[in-house]
Amino acid sequence: MTTVRHLAVAALFAWTVASPSHAADTTAAQQLAHWSAQAGSPGNADKGQVLFTTRHGGEWSCASCHGTPPTAQGKHASTGKSIAPLAPAFNPRAFTDTAKVEKWFRRNCNDVLSRECTAVEKADVLAYLNALKP
């Protein structure tokens, strides 16, 4: 019984470590590589900057809350809630949790574009954010 319990604990630990939603399971560079692979081409920082700063016919752009450039603390446009810097060089926790990356891309793309972002758009925005350096 002890062996079975140890195997169960070991399996749970292995699943937790391998789980894509585990906190700090990725890096911004790995996210960029993932979305570039999904897009079939490398992210383009210039296109990412345009996507990030453009309003796309709506009320907000990404920059409305995250700032231009997104290297300092931002502020949610309607709630006023503080937002940590988005650029990974200015916030080492940015893009380190796959589940949060997926959640916030889905939510924020819907807010800004009224739809989910494509893999190309995600790769471009990540290329832009990863290119920002102190």
C-alpha atoms as a PDB file:
ATOM      1  CA  MET A   1       0.000   0.000   0.000  1.00  0.00           C
ATOM      2  CA  THR A   2       2.848   2.387   0.756  1.00  0.00           C
ATOM      3  CA  THR A   3       4.314   1.738  -2.700  1.00  0.00           C
ATOM      4  CA  VAL A   4       0.970   2.499  -4.335  1.00  0.00           C
ATOM      5  CA  ARG A   5       0.678   5.700  -2.307  1.00  0.00           C
ATOM      6  CA  HIS A   6       4.232   6.729  -3.273  1.00  0.00           C
ATOM      7  CA  LEU A   7       3.483   6.037  -6.942  1.00  0.00           C
ATOM      8  CA  ALA A   8       0.295   8.088  -6.736  1.00  0.00           C
ATOM      9  CA  VAL A   9       2.120  10.999  -5.112  1.00  0.00           C
ATOM     10  CA  ALA A  10       4.933  10.746  -7.682  1.00  0.00           C
ATOM     11  CA  ALA A  11       2.420  10.688 -10.538  1.00  0.00           C
ATOM     12  CA  LEU A  12       0.568  13.690  -9.126  1.00  0.00           C
ATOM     13  CA  PHE A  13       3.850  15.577  -8.725  1.00  0.00           C
ATOM     14  CA  ALA A  14       4.935  14.736 -12.292  1.00  0.00           C
ATOM     15  CA  TRP A  15       1.549  15.824 -13.660  1.00  0.00           C
ATOM     16  CA  THR A  16       1.648  19.075 -11.685  1.00  0.00           C
ATOM     17  CA  VAL A  17       5.144  19.924 -12.897  1.00  0.00           C
ATOM     18  CA  ALA A  18       4.264  19.065 -16.505  1.00  0.00           C
ATOM     19  CA  SER A  19       0.878  20.776 -16.406  1.00  0.00           C
ATOM     20  CA  PRO A  20       0.771  23.802 -18.733  1.00  0.00           C
ATOM     21  CA  SER A  21      -1.239  25.810 -16.197  1.00  0.00           C
ATOM     22  CA  HIS A  22       1.357  25.476 -13.438  1.00  0.00           C
ATOM     23  CA  ALA A  23       2.591  28.904 -12.276  1.00  0.00           C
ATOM     24  CA  ALA A  24       6.038  29.911 -13.537  1.00  0.00           C
ATOM     25  CA  ASP A  25       5.963  27.130 -16.112  1.00  0.00           C
ATOM     26  CA  THR A  26       7.221  29.208 -19.022  1.00  0.00           C
ATOM     27  CA  THR A  27       9.160  32.313 -20.009  1.00  0.00           C
ATOM     28  CA  ALA A  28       8.346  35.215 -22.279  1.00  0.00           C
ATOM     29  CA  ALA A  29      10.860  33.852 -24.805  1.00  0.00           C
ATOM     30  CA  GLN A  30       9.174  30.437 -24.712  1.00  0.00           C
ATOM     31  CA  GLN A  31       5.772  32.062 -25.198  1.00  0.00           C
ATOM     32  CA  LEU A  32       7.137  33.945 -28.211  1.00  0.00           C
ATOM     33  CA  ALA A  33       8.600  30.711 -29.634  1.00  0.00           C
ATOM     34  CA  HIS A  34       5.301  28.882 -29.059  1.00  0.00           C
ATOM     35  CA  TRP A  35       3.133  31.492 -30.764  1.00  0.00           C
ATOM     36  CA  SER A  36       5.641  31.975 -33.589  1.00  0.00           C
ATOM     37  CA  ALA A  37       5.483  28.215 -34.214  1.00  0.00           C
ATOM     38  CA  GLN A  38       1.670  28.333 -34.118  1.00  0.00           C
ATOM     39  CA  ALA A  39       1.740  31.253 -36.566  1.00  0.00           C
ATOM     40  CA  GLY A  40       4.190  29.533 -38.890  1.00  0.00           C
ATOM     41  CA  SER A  41       6.494  32.561 -38.860  1.00  0.00           C
ATOM     42  CA  PRO A  42       8.513  34.566 -36.332  1.00  0.00           C
ATOM     43  CA  GLY A  43       6.762  37.353 -34.477  1.00  0.00           C
ATOM     44  CA  ASN A  44       7.280  40.810 -35.958  1.00  0.00           C
ATOM     45  CA  ALA A  45       8.000  43.478 -33.306  1.00  0.00           C
ATOM     46  CA  ASP A  46       7.039  46.379 -35.592  1.00  0.00           C
ATOM     47  CA  LYS A  47       3.646  44.846 -36.373  1.00  0.00           C
ATOM     48  CA  GLY A  48       3.243  44.016 -32.694  1.00  0.00           C
ATOM     49  CA  GLN A  49       3.817  47.641 -31.737  1.00  0.00           C
ATOM     50  CA  VAL A  50       1.186  48.795 -34.242  1.00  0.00           C
ATOM     51  CA  LEU A  51      -1.307  46.231 -32.965  1.00  0.00           C
ATOM     52  CA  PHE A  52      -0.535  47.229 -29.362  1.00  0.00           C
ATOM     53  CA  THR A  53      -0.988  50.980 -29.876  1.00  0.00           C
ATOM     54  CA  THR A  54      -3.924  51.033 -32.340  1.00  0.00           C
ATOM     55  CA  ARG A  55      -7.546  51.330 -31.221  1.00  0.00           C
ATOM     56  CA  HIS A  56      -8.940  49.084 -34.009  1.00  0.00           C
ATOM     57  CA  GLY A  57     -12.210  50.985 -34.206  1.00  0.00           C
ATOM     58  CA  GLY A  58     -12.995  50.521 -30.524  1.00  0.00           C
ATOM     59  CA  GLU A  59     -12.640  52.568 -27.392  1.00  0.00           C
ATOM     60  CA  TRP A  60      -9.352  51.042 -26.194  1.00  0.00           C
ATOM     61  CA  SER A  61      -5.999  49.869 -27.416  1.00  0.00           C
ATOM     62  CA  CYS A  62      -3.650  47.633 -25.423  1.00  0.00           C
ATOM     63  CA  ALA A  63      -1.690  50.807 -24.641  1.00  0.00           C
ATOM     64  CA  SER A  64      -4.784  52.398 -23.062  1.00  0.00           C
ATOM     65  CA  CYS A  65      -4.115  50.350 -19.925  1.00  0.00           C
ATOM     66  CA  HIS A  66      -0.543  49.123 -20.321  1.00  0.00           C
ATOM     67  CA  GLY A  67       1.039  52.408 -21.456  1.00  0.00           C
ATOM     68  CA  THR A  68       3.276  53.369 -24.355  1.00  0.00           C
ATOM     69  CA  PRO A  69       5.727  51.798 -24.092  1.00  0.00           C
ATOM     70  CA  PRO A  70       4.476  49.209 -21.566  1.00  0.00           C
ATOM     71  CA  THR A  71       7.629  49.419 -19.445  1.00  0.00           C
ATOM     72  CA  ALA A  72       6.165  51.076 -16.349  1.00  0.00           C
ATOM     73  CA  GLN A  73       3.164  50.377 -14.163  1.00  0.00           C
ATOM     74  CA  GLY A  74      -0.077  50.778 -16.083  1.00  0.00           C
ATOM     75  CA  LYS A  75      -3.608  51.524 -14.952  1.00  0.00           C
ATOM     76  CA  HIS A  76      -6.840  49.919 -16.109  1.00  0.00           C
ATOM     77  CA  ALA A  77      -8.719  52.478 -18.192  1.00  0.00           C
ATOM     78  CA  SER A  78     -12.097  51.974 -16.525  1.00  0.00           C
ATOM     79  CA  THR A  79     -11.360  50.610 -13.037  1.00  0.00           C
ATOM     80  CA  GLY A  80      -8.127  52.482 -12.296  1.00  0.00           C
ATOM     81  CA  LYS A  81      -6.576  49.260 -10.962  1.00  0.00           C
ATOM     82  CA  SER A  82      -2.756  49.195 -11.135  1.00  0.00           C
ATOM     83  CA  ILE A  83      -1.220  46.862 -13.721  1.00  0.00           C
ATOM     84  CA  ALA A  84       2.386  45.627 -13.475  1.00  0.00           C
ATOM     85  CA  PRO A  85       4.683  46.507 -16.388  1.00  0.00           C
ATOM     86  CA  LEU A  86       3.950  44.223 -19.332  1.00  0.00           C
ATOM     87  CA  ALA A  87       7.380  44.180 -20.977  1.00  0.00           C
ATOM     88  CA  PRO A  88       9.311  41.179 -19.593  1.00  0.00           C
ATOM     89  CA  ALA A  89      12.577  43.137 -19.168  1.00  0.00           C
ATOM     90  CA  PHE A  90      10.720  45.390 -16.709  1.00  0.00           C
ATOM     91  CA  ASN A  91       8.672  42.661 -15.011  1.00  0.00           C
ATOM     92  CA  PRO A  92      10.351  39.264 -14.594  1.00  0.00           C
ATOM     93  CA  ARG A  93       6.976  37.613 -13.839  1.00  0.00           C
ATOM     94  CA  ALA A  94       5.420  38.700 -17.151  1.00  0.00           C
ATOM     95  CA  PHE A  95       4.450  35.764 -19.367  1.00  0.00           C
ATOM     96  CA  THR A  96       5.680  33.081 -16.926  1.00  0.00           C
ATOM     97  CA  ASP A  97       2.337  31.347 -16.351  1.00  0.00           C
ATOM     98  CA  THR A  98       0.802  29.711 -19.428  1.00  0.00           C
ATOM     99  CA  ALA A  99      -2.732  29.690 -18.019  1.00  0.00           C
ATOM    100  CA  LYS A 100      -2.573  33.411 -17.232  1.00  0.00           C
ATOM    101  CA  VAL A 101      -1.065  34.223 -20.638  1.00  0.00           C
ATOM    102  CA  GLU A 102      -3.912  32.402 -22.370  1.00  0.00           C
ATOM    103  CA  LYS A 103      -6.534  33.988 -20.087  1.00  0.00           C
ATOM    104  CA  TRP A 104      -5.276  37.551 -20.524  1.00  0.00           C
ATOM    105  CA  PHE A 105      -4.716  37.274 -24.276  1.00  0.00           C
ATOM    106  CA  ARG A 106      -8.274  35.982 -24.660  1.00  0.00           C
ATOM    107  CA  ARG A 107      -9.780  38.645 -22.386  1.00  0.00           C
ATOM    108  CA  ASN A 108      -7.760  41.609 -23.622  1.00  0.00           C
ATOM    109  CA  CYS A 109      -8.037  40.727 -27.309  1.00  0.00           C
ATOM    110  CA  ASN A 110     -11.794  40.510 -26.908  1.00  0.00           C
ATOM    111  CA  ASP A 111     -11.792  43.931 -25.200  1.00  0.00           C
ATOM    112  CA  VAL A 112      -9.599  45.605 -27.826  1.00  0.00           C
ATOM    113  CA  LEU A 113     -10.417  43.714 -31.034  1.00  0.00           C
ATOM    114  CA  SER A 114     -13.881  42.332 -30.173  1.00  0.00           C
ATOM    115  CA  ARG A 115     -12.485  38.877 -30.979  1.00  0.00           C
ATOM    116  CA  GLU A 116      -9.677  36.554 -29.966  1.00  0.00           C
ATOM    117  CA  CYS A 117      -6.210  37.330 -31.287  1.00  0.00           C
ATOM    118  CA  THR A 118      -4.734  35.085 -33.933  1.00  0.00           C
ATOM    119  CA  ALA A 119      -1.478  33.205 -33.365  1.00  0.00           C
ATOM    120  CA  VAL A 120       0.238  35.722 -35.671  1.00  0.00           C
ATOM    121  CA  GLU A 121      -1.044  38.659 -33.612  1.00  0.00           C
ATOM    122  CA  LYS A 122       0.052  37.030 -30.342  1.00  0.00           C
ATOM    123  CA  ALA A 123       3.514  36.317 -31.767  1.00  0.00           C
ATOM    124  CA  ASP A 124       3.811  39.901 -33.040  1.00  0.00           C
ATOM    125  CA  VAL A 125       2.797  41.448 -29.699  1.00  0.00           C
ATOM    126  CA  LEU A 126       5.158  39.137 -27.823  1.00  0.00           C
ATOM    127  CA  ALA A 127       7.987  40.039 -30.228  1.00  0.00           C
ATOM    128  CA  TYR A 128       7.326  43.722 -29.523  1.00  0.00           C
ATOM    129  CA  LEU A 129       7.185  43.237 -25.746  1.00  0.00           C
ATOM    130  CA  ASN A 130      10.305  41.058 -25.690  1.00  0.00           C
ATOM    131  CA  ALA A 131      12.201  43.666 -27.726  1.00  0.00           C
ATOM    132  CA  LEU A 132      11.679  46.400 -25.110  1.00  0.00           C
ATOM    133  CA  LYS A 133      14.841  46.731 -23.037  1.00  0.00           C
ATOM    134  CA  PRO A 134      16.004  49.112 -20.284  1.00  0.00           C
END
